[in-house]
Protein backbone atom coordinates (compact mmCIF):
# COMPACT_ATOMS: atom_id res chain seq x y z
CA MET A 1 14.72 27.73 1.31
CA THR A 2 15.86 24.52 3.00
CA ASP A 3 16.40 20.96 1.81
CA GLN A 4 13.18 18.95 1.76
CA THR A 5 13.31 15.92 4.05
CA GLN A 6 10.39 14.28 2.22
CA ALA A 7 12.41 14.06 -1.00
CA THR A 8 15.23 11.74 -1.91
CA VAL A 9 17.52 11.88 -4.94
CA MET A 10 17.97 8.56 -6.68
CA LYS A 11 20.31 7.65 -9.53
CA SER A 12 19.79 4.71 -11.83
CA CYS A 13 22.76 2.85 -13.29
CA SER A 14 21.90 3.06 -17.00
CA ARG A 15 20.23 5.25 -19.58
CA ASN A 16 18.54 4.40 -22.84
CA ASN A 17 20.47 6.00 -25.68
CA ILE A 18 17.38 7.18 -27.56
CA CYS A 19 17.43 10.28 -25.35
CA SER A 20 20.07 12.99 -25.33
CA GLN A 21 22.82 12.59 -22.75
CA GLN A 22 22.85 16.19 -21.49
CA ASN A 23 24.18 16.63 -17.96
CA PHE A 24 22.01 19.27 -16.38
CA LEU A 25 23.70 18.96 -13.00
CA THR A 26 26.92 20.47 -14.38
CA ASN A 27 25.34 22.98 -16.75
CA PRO A 28 25.61 26.41 -15.09
CA ASN A 29 22.60 27.65 -17.07
CA SER A 30 20.32 24.98 -15.59
CA PRO A 31 18.47 25.16 -12.27
CA ARG A 32 19.82 23.39 -9.21
CA PHE A 33 18.44 19.85 -9.29
CA ALA A 34 17.01 19.92 -5.79
CA LEU A 35 13.78 20.36 -3.90
CA GLY A 36 13.26 23.32 -1.58
CA THR A 37 10.78 23.82 1.24
CA TYR A 38 8.94 27.11 1.60
CA ASN A 39 6.53 28.82 3.97
CA ARG A 40 4.27 29.90 1.11
CA PRO A 41 3.64 28.44 -2.35
CA ALA A 42 4.16 31.89 -3.92
CA GLU A 43 7.73 31.89 -2.55
CA ALA A 44 8.29 28.47 -4.10
CA VAL A 45 7.17 29.69 -7.52
CA PHE A 46 9.77 32.45 -7.73
CA SER A 47 12.53 30.30 -6.25
CA VAL A 48 11.92 27.67 -8.93
CA LEU A 49 11.64 30.32 -11.66
CA ASP A 50 14.95 31.79 -10.50
CA GLY A 51 16.69 28.39 -10.72
CA GLU A 52 17.33 27.91 -7.01
CA ALA A 53 15.62 24.52 -7.25
CA VAL A 54 13.83 22.46 -9.86
CA ALA A 55 10.91 21.87 -7.49
CA GLY A 56 9.50 23.32 -4.30
CA ILE A 57 6.97 22.27 -1.71
CA THR A 58 4.95 23.93 1.05
CA GLY A 59 3.70 21.48 3.65
CA ASP A 60 0.26 21.88 5.24
CA ALA A 61 -0.48 24.87 3.00
CA ILE A 62 -4.18 23.94 2.84
CA PRO A 63 -6.09 23.41 6.12
CA ALA A 64 -7.34 19.86 6.71
CA LEU A 65 -10.95 21.05 6.97
CA ALA A 66 -10.75 22.75 3.58
CA CYS A 67 -9.23 19.62 2.03
CA ASN A 68 -12.07 17.46 3.38
CA GLN A 69 -14.74 19.89 2.22
CA ILE A 70 -13.28 20.14 -1.26
CA TYR A 71 -13.06 16.33 -1.48
CA GLU A 72 -16.72 15.92 -0.50
CA ARG A 73 -17.91 18.63 -2.90
CA PHE A 74 -15.88 17.11 -5.73
CA LYS A 75 -17.31 13.63 -5.16
CA CYS A 76 -20.84 15.07 -5.33
CA ALA A 77 -20.27 17.38 -8.33
CA PRO A 78 -22.54 16.31 -11.20
CA GLU A 79 -20.33 18.18 -13.71
CA ARG A 80 -17.25 15.98 -13.28
CA GLU A 81 -16.30 13.68 -16.16
CA ILE A 82 -15.06 10.11 -15.84
CA LEU A 83 -12.16 9.53 -18.24
CA SER A 84 -9.91 6.58 -19.06
CA ASP A 85 -7.41 7.58 -21.75
CA GLY A 86 -4.15 6.26 -20.36
CA VAL A 87 -4.91 7.86 -16.98
CA GLU A 88 -7.80 6.69 -14.80
CA ARG A 89 -9.39 9.86 -13.52
CA SER A 90 -12.40 12.04 -12.81
CA LEU A 91 -11.98 15.56 -14.17
CA LEU A 92 -13.70 18.83 -13.34
CA GLY A 93 -12.66 21.88 -15.32
CA ALA A 94 -11.12 22.80 -18.65
CA THR A 95 -7.77 21.59 -19.97
CA HIS A 96 -5.86 22.97 -22.95
CA TYR A 97 -4.36 19.53 -23.70
CA LYS A 98 -4.92 18.60 -27.39
CA LYS A 99 -7.14 21.64 -27.96
CA THR A 100 -6.75 24.82 -29.95
CA PRO A 101 -6.66 27.98 -27.84
CA GLY A 102 -10.16 28.86 -29.05
CA GLU A 103 -11.56 25.47 -28.08
CA TYR A 104 -9.91 25.73 -24.68
CA VAL A 105 -11.18 29.19 -23.66
CA ARG A 106 -14.71 28.31 -24.80
CA GLU A 107 -14.57 25.21 -22.60
CA VAL A 108 -13.42 27.32 -19.64
CA SER A 109 -16.71 29.22 -19.49
CA LYS A 110 -18.68 25.96 -19.26
CA HIS A 111 -16.86 24.81 -16.12
CA SER A 112 -15.86 27.97 -14.23
CA GLN A 113 -18.85 28.09 -11.87
CA ALA A 114 -18.57 24.43 -10.91
CA VAL A 115 -14.82 24.69 -10.30
CA ARG A 116 -15.23 27.73 -8.05
CA ARG A 117 -18.08 26.07 -6.14
CA VAL A 118 -16.01 22.96 -5.40
CA LEU A 119 -12.95 25.00 -4.43
CA GLY A 120 -14.94 27.00 -1.92
CA GLY A 121 -16.59 29.94 -3.62
CA GLU A 122 -15.35 33.20 -2.13
CA ARG A 123 -12.69 31.29 -0.13
CA ASP A 124 -11.31 29.59 -3.23
CA VAL A 125 -7.88 28.32 -2.11
CA VAL A 126 -6.33 28.53 -5.58
CA GLN A 127 -7.54 32.09 -6.09
CA GLU A 128 -6.02 33.00 -2.73
CA PHE A 129 -2.71 31.59 -3.96
CA ILE A 130 -2.93 33.72 -7.12
CA SER A 131 -3.58 36.82 -5.02
CA ASP A 132 -0.51 36.04 -2.89
CA LEU A 133 1.50 35.44 -6.08
CA SER A 134 0.68 39.01 -7.15
CA LEU A 135 2.01 40.35 -3.85
CA GLU A 136 5.15 38.23 -3.95
CA GLY A 137 5.68 39.15 -7.59
CA ARG A 138 6.28 42.81 -6.71
CA LEU A 139 9.54 41.69 -5.09
CA HIS A 140 10.60 39.99 -8.33
CA GLY A 141 9.78 42.60 -10.97
CA ILE A 142 6.31 41.29 -11.74
CA HIS A 143 3.75 44.00 -12.47
CA LEU A 144 0.78 41.82 -13.41
CA VAL A 145 -0.53 38.30 -12.73
CA ARG A 146 -3.43 37.41 -15.01
CA PRO A 147 -5.14 34.61 -16.93
CA LEU A 148 -3.71 33.74 -20.32
CA ASN A 149 -6.17 35.23 -22.84
CA HIS A 150 -7.33 34.29 -26.32
CA ASP A 151 -9.87 36.16 -28.46
CA GLY A 152 -10.79 38.27 -25.45
CA LEU A 153 -11.63 35.25 -23.30
CA PRO A 154 -9.65 34.23 -20.19
CA SER A 155 -8.16 30.88 -19.30
CA ALA A 156 -9.17 28.98 -16.16
CA HIS A 157 -7.44 29.40 -12.81
CA ALA A 158 -7.74 25.73 -11.81
CA ARG A 159 -8.94 22.28 -12.76
CA LEU A 160 -9.48 19.36 -10.40
CA PHE A 161 -8.92 15.69 -11.02
CA MET A 162 -9.05 12.52 -9.00
CA CYS A 163 -6.72 9.73 -10.12
CA ASP A 164 -6.52 6.01 -9.43
CA THR A 165 -3.73 3.58 -10.25
CA ILE A 166 -3.71 2.85 -13.99
CA ALA A 167 -5.43 -0.38 -14.96
CA GLY A 168 -2.80 -2.88 -16.09
CA ASN A 169 0.08 -0.93 -14.51
CA GLU A 170 -0.11 -0.89 -10.72
CA ASN A 171 3.13 1.11 -10.46
CA LEU A 172 1.79 4.28 -12.05
CA VAL A 173 -0.92 6.80 -11.32
CA LEU A 174 0.24 9.29 -13.96
CA PRO A 175 2.70 8.17 -16.68
CA HIS A 176 5.94 9.95 -17.53
CA HIS A 177 5.32 13.29 -19.24
CA GLU A 178 6.34 16.93 -19.46
CA ASP A 179 4.21 20.04 -19.87
CA TYR A 180 6.09 22.15 -22.42
CA SER A 181 5.31 20.18 -25.60
CA GLN A 182 1.59 20.91 -25.38
CA VAL A 183 2.35 24.64 -25.02
CA SER A 184 4.72 24.80 -28.01
CA ALA A 185 2.49 22.61 -30.23
CA PRO A 186 1.63 23.98 -33.72
CA LEU A 187 -2.08 24.18 -32.87
CA ASN A 188 -1.19 27.04 -30.49
CA ALA A 189 0.37 29.16 -33.26
CA GLY A 190 -0.57 32.82 -33.06
CA SER A 191 -1.61 32.65 -29.40
CA GLU A 192 -0.01 33.68 -26.12
CA PHE A 193 1.01 30.05 -25.60
CA HIS A 194 3.75 30.52 -28.19
CA LEU A 195 5.30 33.35 -26.15
CA ILE A 196 6.12 30.91 -23.34
CA LYS A 197 9.69 29.64 -23.00
CA ALA A 198 10.49 26.21 -21.56
CA ASN A 199 12.52 27.65 -18.65
CA ALA A 200 9.63 29.93 -17.66
CA LEU A 201 6.97 27.19 -17.36
CA ILE A 202 5.83 26.13 -13.88
CA ALA A 203 3.26 23.52 -12.82
CA VAL A 204 1.51 23.98 -9.46
CA ASN A 205 -0.33 21.12 -7.70
CA PHE A 206 -2.67 21.46 -4.70
CA TYR A 207 -3.10 18.14 -2.86
CA PHE A 208 -6.53 17.76 -1.27
CA ARG A 209 -6.41 14.00 -0.69
CA VAL A 210 -3.39 11.68 -0.81
CA GLU A 211 -3.19 8.30 0.87
CA PRO A 212 -0.21 8.29 3.28
CA GLY A 213 2.92 6.90 1.66
CA LEU A 214 1.34 6.55 -1.77
CA GLY A 215 1.36 8.57 -5.00
CA ALA A 216 4.88 10.05 -4.79
CA LEU A 217 5.80 12.64 -7.41
CA HIS A 218 8.96 11.69 -9.33
CA VAL A 219 10.80 14.51 -11.13
CA PHE A 220 13.61 13.37 -13.46
CA ASN A 221 16.75 15.28 -14.34
CA PHE A 222 15.79 15.12 -18.00
CA LYS A 223 14.56 18.15 -19.90
CA PRO A 224 13.93 16.84 -23.41
CA SER A 225 15.11 18.76 -26.44
CA ARG A 226 12.88 19.09 -29.48
CA ALA A 227 14.93 16.36 -31.16
CA ASP A 228 14.25 14.07 -28.17
CA ARG A 229 10.53 14.79 -28.37
CA GLN A 230 10.40 14.19 -32.10
CA SER A 231 12.32 10.91 -31.88
CA LEU A 232 9.89 9.66 -29.24
CA GLY A 233 6.77 10.84 -31.07
CA VAL A 234 5.67 13.19 -28.27
CA ASP A 235 6.60 16.55 -29.79
CA ASP A 236 3.07 17.96 -29.77
CA TYR A 237 1.78 16.55 -26.49
CA GLY A 238 4.67 15.50 -24.22
CA PHE A 239 2.90 12.28 -23.22
CA PRO A 240 3.72 9.49 -22.61
CA TYR A 241 7.49 9.07 -22.35
CA PRO A 242 8.75 5.46 -22.16
CA GLU A 243 10.09 4.59 -18.73
CA GLU A 244 13.39 3.41 -20.21
CA CYS A 245 14.03 6.95 -21.45
CA VAL A 246 14.68 8.13 -17.88
CA ALA A 247 16.15 4.89 -16.54
CA GLY A 248 19.58 6.46 -15.95
CA SER A 249 18.46 9.90 -14.84
CA ASP A 250 18.76 11.30 -11.35
CA ARG A 251 15.33 11.86 -9.89
CA LEU A 252 13.65 13.65 -7.01
CA VAL A 253 11.15 11.45 -5.21
CA ILE A 254 8.73 13.78 -3.45
CA GLY A 255 6.46 12.22 -0.85
CA VAL A 256 3.48 14.57 -1.08
CA ARG A 257 0.79 14.64 1.62
CA THR A 258 -2.75 15.94 1.98
CA GLY A 259 -2.61 19.72 2.33
CA ASP A 260 0.69 20.17 0.47
CA VAL A 261 1.28 22.44 -2.52
CA ALA A 262 4.05 21.41 -4.94
CA VAL A 263 5.72 23.54 -7.62
CA ILE A 264 7.90 22.08 -10.39
CA ARG A 265 9.53 23.12 -13.63
CA GLY A 266 7.08 21.70 -16.12
CA ALA A 267 9.61 21.11 -18.92
CA TYR A 268 11.26 18.32 -16.90
CA VAL A 269 9.86 14.80 -17.27
CA HIS A 270 7.83 13.77 -14.23
CA ALA A 271 5.43 11.01 -13.18
CA VAL A 272 3.31 9.87 -10.24
CA VAL A 273 4.20 6.43 -8.86
CA SER A 274 1.69 4.42 -6.82
CA GLY A 275 3.75 3.05 -3.96
CA GLU A 276 3.40 -0.26 -2.14
CA HIS A 277 -0.16 -0.83 -3.34
CA ALA A 278 -2.75 0.70 -5.64
CA THR A 279 -3.60 4.38 -5.19
CA LYS A 280 -7.23 5.46 -5.09
CA ASP A 281 -9.12 8.78 -4.86
CA ARG A 282 -6.01 10.98 -5.14
CA LEU A 283 -7.52 14.45 -5.53
CA ILE A 284 -5.58 17.49 -6.69
CA ALA A 285 -6.16 20.85 -8.33
CA ASN A 286 -3.55 22.22 -10.66
CA LEU A 287 -2.66 25.08 -12.93
CA PHE A 288 0.28 26.20 -15.02
CA LEU A 289 2.17 29.48 -14.80
CA ALA A 290 4.67 31.22 -17.04
CA ARG A 291 6.66 34.40 -16.79
CA ILE A 292 6.53 36.60 -19.88
CA GLY A 293 8.60 39.71 -19.22
CA SER A 294 7.10 41.49 -16.20
CA THR A 295 3.85 39.49 -16.41
CA ILE A 296 2.86 36.05 -15.13
CA VAL A 297 0.08 34.30 -17.00
CA TYR A 298 -1.77 31.20 -15.82
CA TRP A 299 -3.95 28.53 -17.43
CA THR A 300 -5.00 24.89 -17.00
């Protein structure tokens, strides 16, 4: 692992007191608040899980030709949905957000063929990553990498979405959020979701189209407690956090590019910021991972 030259660490001068004042930089039980660079995304996953960094990136992990082909197939996919619910985006694939586990896995089966077709069929780049994760996992005590299951049905291995700058807020593409609240939500009671611990949750993003210099990923040195989430009214969903909540936090500013794969600890608040002008047609695929004992499970 080396320091990532595309990332900078910024520190704001104040912090809103509605959020807890925990100092994760000096807590020996917290991961190093840094970004690492890796030759393979699977290496990044285990480095971030092990606390060597809070985020990792692999540059040019996806060939340019594959990125272009996926972009063209996505634009032509009749199954994609146009949504505007605080994030301007086109979505292809299932998401567990605000759904029961049963609702989610039933939705997966409706979209799986279309997702695999857009990602390349037998040369599905996300599936290739999962296969490599299984190989890398043997070096880290992992015996199995599999979909998260519910009622005998598997989760999805990827979803794709294309985002534009949010109408009325030209600074943001994706508002401040974290990914753990939606996993620990009461509607997931009795499912494998409730076996997942905050420190074991990883988000993985595959960047198929990013305008140069735009759409930077900001990761904040703020991992909200349950009390924080409850006070902000985001305990079940983790979205959206007010910007003033992270005003005094250190942050990693990660300048992602087409072909990159980024890995972050999902329990930390993060956002996507436009840049100098509005962002358009920013296409990514993503999935979530968690380590449960000697198994890694994934879902979308």
